[in-house]
Amino acid sequence: MQAVPKPEPTQKPVAAPPRMSLTKVVSGRIAKPVRVLVWGTEGIGKSTFGASAPSPIFLGAEDGTSELDVARFPEPSTWQDAHDAIAELTNVQHEYKTLVIDTLDWLEPLCWRAVCAKGDRGKRVDSIEELPYGRGYTAALDEWRRLLSAVERLRSSRGMHVVLLAHAWIKPFKNPDGDDFDRYELKLHAKAGGLLKEWCDAVLFANYETLTREANGRSKGVSTGARVLHTQRRAAYDSKNRYDLPETLPLDWHAFIEAVAAHRPADPA
C-alpha cells in the first residue's frame, strides 16, 4: 500500500499591527503647513498678507485683491462652487502652495443659502431664521465642518498652507465677572466663528498699533500707523497661537512664518 504524502504545513499570515500599536508612536514636534486665521477691520491689509504667502491662490469675492497680482478662482456663486474649487486643488496637479479664502464672512451667506435649499423636512425655506429651534445654524455648522474636512484633506495631500481672512465688527460682551463692555468679534455667526477659531493653529487679530499717552491727567490713545498682528487673547479681541509667538508681530507673512519657524525643530538631515 502506497503511503499518502503528508500535506505541506501552511504558513499562517502575519497579522499587521493595529493602527494604534505602540510601534507606531512618534514623538517630538511635527512641522506641518500652517492653518492661520487673520481677521480685523476692513482695508488694513489682510489680503496683502495672504498674497505674500508662497504661491497663493485666492478663493472668494472680495474686491481687496483687485489691485494685487494674484491667482484667483472665478467668483463662486454657490456653496458647492467653494467645495468644487477645493476638490480641484486636491485632485489636480498644480504649483500652488497656499489657499487663501477671502473672506469667511463673504462665504457664510453661500453656506446659509445651501442650508435653506435643503430646507425643513425637504421643504425649501427663504431664510435660515425660518428653520425652528435654531436648526438652521446647527445645519450651517455641519456644512462648515464638511468644508473644513475638505480643506484638511487638501492641506494633508498637497502640503498647502491655509490662510483664512475675515472682517471684524464690534459687539457688546456680557461679562460674568464685572461690567459689560464692547469688544471686537468675528463677523460671523458665533457657532461658525467658534469652530473656525478652534480649527486654526493661529488666530491673529490685525489692527493699527496704538500707544497710550498722558495728557492733562488723562490717557489718550495715539496710533503710530504701524499695522500689527496680535497673537494672544485680550479683553478687546480673541487671538491664539500654537507656535509660542511673540505677543505682537508686523502684519506681514514673512515676519509671521519666520516667527513660526523659530519654534520648530531643525531638519535632522
Protein backbone atom coordinates (compact mmCIF):
# COMPACT_ATOMS: atom_id res chain seq x y z
CA MET A 1 0.00 0.00 0.00
CA GLN A 2 1.47 3.33 -1.08
CA ALA A 3 1.96 5.93 1.65
CA VAL A 4 -0.08 9.08 1.29
CA PRO A 5 2.24 12.13 1.33
CA LYS A 6 1.67 14.49 4.23
CA PRO A 7 0.37 17.92 3.23
CA GLU A 8 2.85 20.76 3.46
CA PRO A 9 2.29 22.84 6.57
CA THR A 10 0.58 26.10 5.66
CA GLN A 11 2.12 29.28 6.96
CA LYS A 12 -0.31 31.49 8.78
CA PRO A 13 -0.30 35.08 7.54
CA VAL A 14 1.26 37.53 9.98
CA ALA A 15 -1.32 39.98 11.21
CA ALA A 16 -0.44 43.61 10.65
CA PRO A 17 -0.07 45.62 13.85
CA PRO A 18 -3.17 47.65 14.72
CA ARG A 19 -3.19 51.30 13.79
CA MET A 20 -2.93 52.30 17.45
CA SER A 21 0.05 49.99 18.09
CA LEU A 22 2.89 51.30 20.27
CA THR A 23 5.22 50.54 17.35
CA LYS A 24 3.64 53.46 15.52
CA VAL A 25 4.09 56.02 18.28
CA VAL A 26 6.07 59.12 17.25
CA SER A 27 7.40 61.88 19.45
CA GLY A 28 8.53 65.47 19.09
CA ARG A 29 7.13 68.37 17.13
CA ILE A 30 5.83 67.76 13.62
CA ALA A 31 6.26 70.55 11.08
CA LYS A 32 3.09 70.92 9.01
CA PRO A 33 1.66 73.61 6.72
CA VAL A 34 0.08 76.39 8.76
CA ARG A 35 -3.62 76.97 9.33
CA VAL A 36 -3.96 80.66 10.13
CA LEU A 37 -6.95 82.97 10.50
CA VAL A 38 -6.20 86.68 10.11
CA TRP A 39 -9.09 88.97 10.96
CA GLY A 40 -9.57 92.69 11.54
CA THR A 41 -11.09 95.88 10.23
CA GLU A 42 -11.54 96.49 6.52
CA GLY A 43 -8.63 97.85 4.50
CA ILE A 44 -5.91 97.03 7.00
CA GLY A 45 -4.02 94.64 4.70
CA LYS A 46 -5.40 91.15 5.26
CA SER A 47 -5.46 90.34 1.54
CA THR A 48 -1.89 91.60 1.14
CA PHE A 49 -0.85 89.26 3.94
CA GLY A 50 -2.37 86.31 2.05
CA ALA A 51 -0.86 87.46 -1.25
CA SER A 52 2.62 87.37 0.33
CA ALA A 53 2.31 83.67 1.21
CA PRO A 54 4.07 81.13 -1.06
CA SER A 55 2.37 80.69 -4.48
CA PRO A 56 -1.12 81.67 -3.28
CA ILE A 57 -4.45 81.08 -4.99
CA PHE A 58 -7.47 83.04 -3.75
CA LEU A 59 -10.99 81.74 -3.30
CA GLY A 60 -13.54 84.46 -2.68
CA ALA A 61 -15.29 87.52 -3.99
CA GLU A 62 -13.53 90.28 -2.11
CA ASP A 63 -12.51 93.41 -4.04
CA GLY A 64 -9.40 93.58 -1.83
CA THR A 65 -7.42 91.53 -4.36
CA SER A 66 -8.34 93.56 -7.44
CA GLU A 67 -5.09 95.55 -7.18
CA LEU A 68 -2.98 92.50 -6.30
CA ASP A 69 -1.20 90.36 -8.88
CA VAL A 70 -2.50 87.01 -7.63
CA ALA A 71 -4.17 83.88 -8.99
CA ARG A 72 -7.83 83.58 -8.13
CA PHE A 73 -10.73 81.24 -8.86
CA PRO A 74 -13.84 82.67 -10.53
CA GLU A 75 -16.20 84.18 -8.00
CA PRO A 76 -18.25 81.32 -6.52
CA SER A 77 -21.99 81.78 -6.61
CA THR A 78 -22.90 78.70 -4.54
CA TRP A 79 -21.56 76.76 -1.58
CA GLN A 80 -20.90 73.84 -3.94
CA ASP A 81 -18.63 76.10 -6.01
CA ALA A 82 -16.40 76.52 -2.95
CA HIS A 83 -16.28 72.73 -2.47
CA ASP A 84 -15.51 72.26 -6.18
CA ALA A 85 -12.59 74.69 -6.03
CA ILE A 86 -11.08 72.87 -3.06
CA ALA A 87 -11.60 69.49 -4.76
CA GLU A 88 -9.87 70.81 -7.90
CA LEU A 89 -6.81 71.80 -5.87
CA THR A 90 -6.85 68.41 -4.13
CA ASN A 91 -7.20 66.22 -7.22
CA VAL A 92 -5.36 68.08 -9.99
CA GLN A 93 -1.60 68.64 -10.24
CA HIS A 94 -0.63 72.30 -9.76
CA GLU A 95 2.10 74.55 -8.40
CA TYR A 96 0.07 76.47 -5.80
CA LYS A 97 1.30 76.26 -2.21
CA THR A 98 -1.25 78.36 -0.30
CA LEU A 99 -5.05 78.52 -0.35
CA VAL A 100 -6.38 81.93 0.72
CA ILE A 101 -10.11 82.22 1.49
CA ASP A 102 -11.01 85.90 1.27
CA THR A 103 -13.22 86.28 3.30
CA LEU A 104 -15.08 83.91 5.59
CA ASP A 105 -17.90 86.41 6.17
CA TRP A 106 -18.35 86.64 2.40
CA LEU A 107 -18.58 82.81 2.24
CA GLU A 108 -21.10 82.45 5.07
CA PRO A 109 -24.19 83.63 3.09
CA LEU A 110 -23.47 80.93 0.49
CA CYS A 111 -23.45 78.40 3.33
CA TRP A 112 -26.78 79.68 4.64
CA ARG A 113 -28.25 79.58 1.14
CA ALA A 114 -27.28 75.91 0.86
CA VAL A 115 -28.97 75.19 4.19
CA CYS A 116 -32.12 77.00 3.04
CA ALA A 117 -32.18 74.96 -0.19
CA LYS A 118 -32.26 71.74 1.85
CA GLY A 119 -34.95 73.32 3.98
CA ASP A 120 -37.08 71.81 6.72
CA ARG A 121 -38.05 68.18 6.08
CA GLY A 122 -37.26 68.65 2.41
CA LYS A 123 -39.25 71.89 2.07
CA ARG A 124 -37.14 74.83 0.90
CA VAL A 125 -37.14 77.97 3.05
CA ASP A 126 -36.22 81.55 2.17
CA SER A 127 -34.28 82.40 5.34
CA ILE A 128 -32.17 80.41 7.75
CA GLU A 129 -34.23 82.01 10.54
CA GLU A 130 -37.30 80.12 9.28
CA LEU A 131 -35.85 76.83 10.49
CA PRO A 132 -37.21 76.41 14.04
CA TYR A 133 -35.28 75.94 17.27
CA GLY A 134 -32.03 77.17 15.77
CA ARG A 135 -31.80 74.13 13.49
CA GLY A 136 -30.66 76.32 10.61
CA TYR A 137 -27.48 77.44 12.39
CA THR A 138 -26.81 73.88 13.56
CA ALA A 139 -27.10 72.67 9.96
CA ALA A 140 -24.80 75.52 8.86
CA LEU A 141 -22.25 74.38 11.43
CA ASP A 142 -22.33 70.89 9.88
CA GLU A 143 -21.71 72.48 6.46
CA TRP A 144 -18.68 74.34 7.83
CA ARG A 145 -17.35 71.09 9.29
CA ARG A 146 -17.62 69.41 5.88
CA LEU A 147 -15.82 72.30 4.23
CA LEU A 148 -13.02 72.22 6.81
CA SER A 149 -12.68 68.46 6.31
CA ALA A 150 -12.18 69.09 2.59
CA VAL A 151 -9.62 71.82 3.32
CA GLU A 152 -7.80 69.49 5.73
CA ARG A 153 -7.59 66.80 3.03
CA LEU A 154 -6.12 69.41 0.69
CA ARG A 155 -3.61 70.50 3.31
CA SER A 156 -2.53 66.93 4.03
CA SER A 157 -2.38 65.64 0.46
CA ARG A 158 -0.82 68.71 -1.19
CA GLY A 159 1.11 70.20 1.72
CA MET A 160 -0.60 73.57 1.23
CA HIS A 161 -0.77 76.38 3.75
CA VAL A 162 -4.31 77.60 4.51
CA VAL A 163 -4.92 81.31 5.16
CA LEU A 164 -8.44 82.31 6.22
CA LEU A 165 -9.31 86.02 6.20
CA ALA A 166 -12.28 87.64 7.92
CA HIS A 167 -13.64 91.02 8.95
CA ALA A 168 -14.35 92.22 12.48
CA TRP A 169 -17.27 94.05 13.98
CA ILE A 170 -17.85 95.47 17.45
CA LYS A 171 -20.37 93.62 19.62
CA PRO A 172 -21.48 94.03 23.25
CA PHE A 173 -20.00 91.44 25.58
CA LYS A 174 -21.84 90.11 28.63
CA ASN A 175 -19.11 89.94 31.24
CA PRO A 176 -19.87 87.40 34.01
CA ASP A 177 -17.07 88.82 36.19
CA GLY A 178 -17.98 92.51 36.11
CA ASP A 179 -19.28 95.31 33.94
CA ASP A 180 -20.26 94.58 30.35
CA PHE A 181 -18.17 96.08 27.57
CA ASP A 182 -17.80 96.18 23.79
CA ARG A 183 -15.23 94.03 22.01
CA TYR A 184 -14.21 93.02 18.50
CA GLU A 185 -15.81 89.80 17.25
CA LEU A 186 -15.53 87.81 14.03
CA LYS A 187 -18.15 88.99 11.55
CA LEU A 188 -19.68 85.51 11.55
CA HIS A 189 -22.36 83.63 13.43
CA ALA A 190 -20.94 82.76 16.85
CA LYS A 191 -21.14 78.98 16.31
CA ALA A 192 -19.30 79.14 12.99
CA GLY A 193 -16.75 81.57 14.38
CA GLY A 194 -16.03 79.29 17.34
CA LEU A 195 -15.49 76.27 15.07
CA LEU A 196 -13.14 78.12 12.71
CA LYS A 197 -11.07 79.59 15.54
CA GLU A 198 -10.76 76.14 17.12
CA TRP A 199 -9.61 74.55 13.83
CA CYS A 200 -6.84 77.05 13.13
CA ASP A 201 -3.36 76.83 14.65
CA ALA A 202 -3.13 80.62 14.82
CA VAL A 203 -5.88 83.22 15.13
CA LEU A 204 -4.32 86.65 14.63
CA PHE A 205 -6.13 89.95 15.13
CA ALA A 206 -4.93 92.68 12.76
CA ASN A 207 -5.10 96.28 13.92
CA TYR A 208 -3.18 99.53 13.94
CA GLU A 209 -0.62 99.88 16.70
CA THR A 210 -1.90 102.25 19.38
CA LEU A 211 0.17 103.79 22.18
CA THR A 212 -1.18 105.42 25.32
CA ARG A 213 -0.02 108.90 26.29
CA GLU A 214 -0.84 111.00 29.31
CA ALA A 215 -2.15 114.48 28.55
CA ASN A 216 -3.67 116.84 31.15
CA GLY A 217 -4.08 113.99 33.59
CA ARG A 218 -5.96 111.82 31.07
CA SER A 219 -4.86 108.85 28.98
CA LYS A 220 -5.05 109.29 25.23
CA GLY A 221 -4.61 106.62 22.55
CA VAL A 222 -2.33 107.60 19.68
CA SER A 223 -1.92 105.42 16.57
CA THR A 224 1.59 105.01 15.18
CA GLY A 225 0.22 103.94 11.79
CA ALA A 226 2.00 100.57 12.05
CA ARG A 227 -0.12 97.53 11.19
CA VAL A 228 0.37 94.67 13.63
CA LEU A 229 -0.91 91.17 14.37
CA HIS A 230 -1.94 90.39 17.94
CA THR A 231 -1.28 86.75 18.81
CA GLN A 232 -2.76 86.44 22.32
CA ARG A 233 -6.28 86.91 23.63
CA ARG A 234 -7.21 90.20 25.25
CA ALA A 235 -10.45 91.64 26.58
CA ALA A 236 -10.98 93.53 23.32
CA TYR A 237 -10.48 90.59 20.91
CA ASP A 238 -9.81 86.86 20.54
CA SER A 239 -6.39 85.64 19.39
CA LYS A 240 -4.37 82.49 19.94
CA ASN A 241 -1.46 80.55 18.54
CA ARG A 242 0.19 77.14 18.98
CA TYR A 243 3.63 78.37 17.93
CA ASP A 244 4.70 80.32 21.02
CA LEU A 245 4.72 83.54 19.00
CA PRO A 246 5.61 86.97 20.38
CA GLU A 247 2.66 89.00 21.64
CA THR A 248 2.68 91.17 18.51
CA LEU A 249 4.10 90.80 15.01
CA PRO A 250 4.14 93.03 11.94
CA LEU A 251 1.20 92.40 9.61
CA ASP A 252 3.47 90.56 7.20
CA TRP A 253 3.57 86.92 6.08
CA HIS A 254 7.36 86.69 6.17
CA ALA A 255 7.56 88.01 9.75
CA PHE A 256 4.86 85.54 10.77
CA ILE A 257 6.38 82.46 9.14
CA GLU A 258 9.88 83.31 10.45
CA ALA A 259 8.44 83.50 13.97
CA VAL A 260 6.74 80.13 13.44
CA ALA A 261 9.98 78.57 12.16
CA ALA A 262 11.89 79.88 15.16
CA HIS A 263 9.94 77.49 17.39
CA ARG A 264 10.10 74.43 15.12
CA PRO A 265 12.85 71.78 15.20
CA ALA A 266 15.56 71.91 12.56
CA ASP A 267 15.62 69.31 9.78
CA PRO A 268 17.51 66.29 11.23
CA ALA A 269 19.31 65.87 7.89
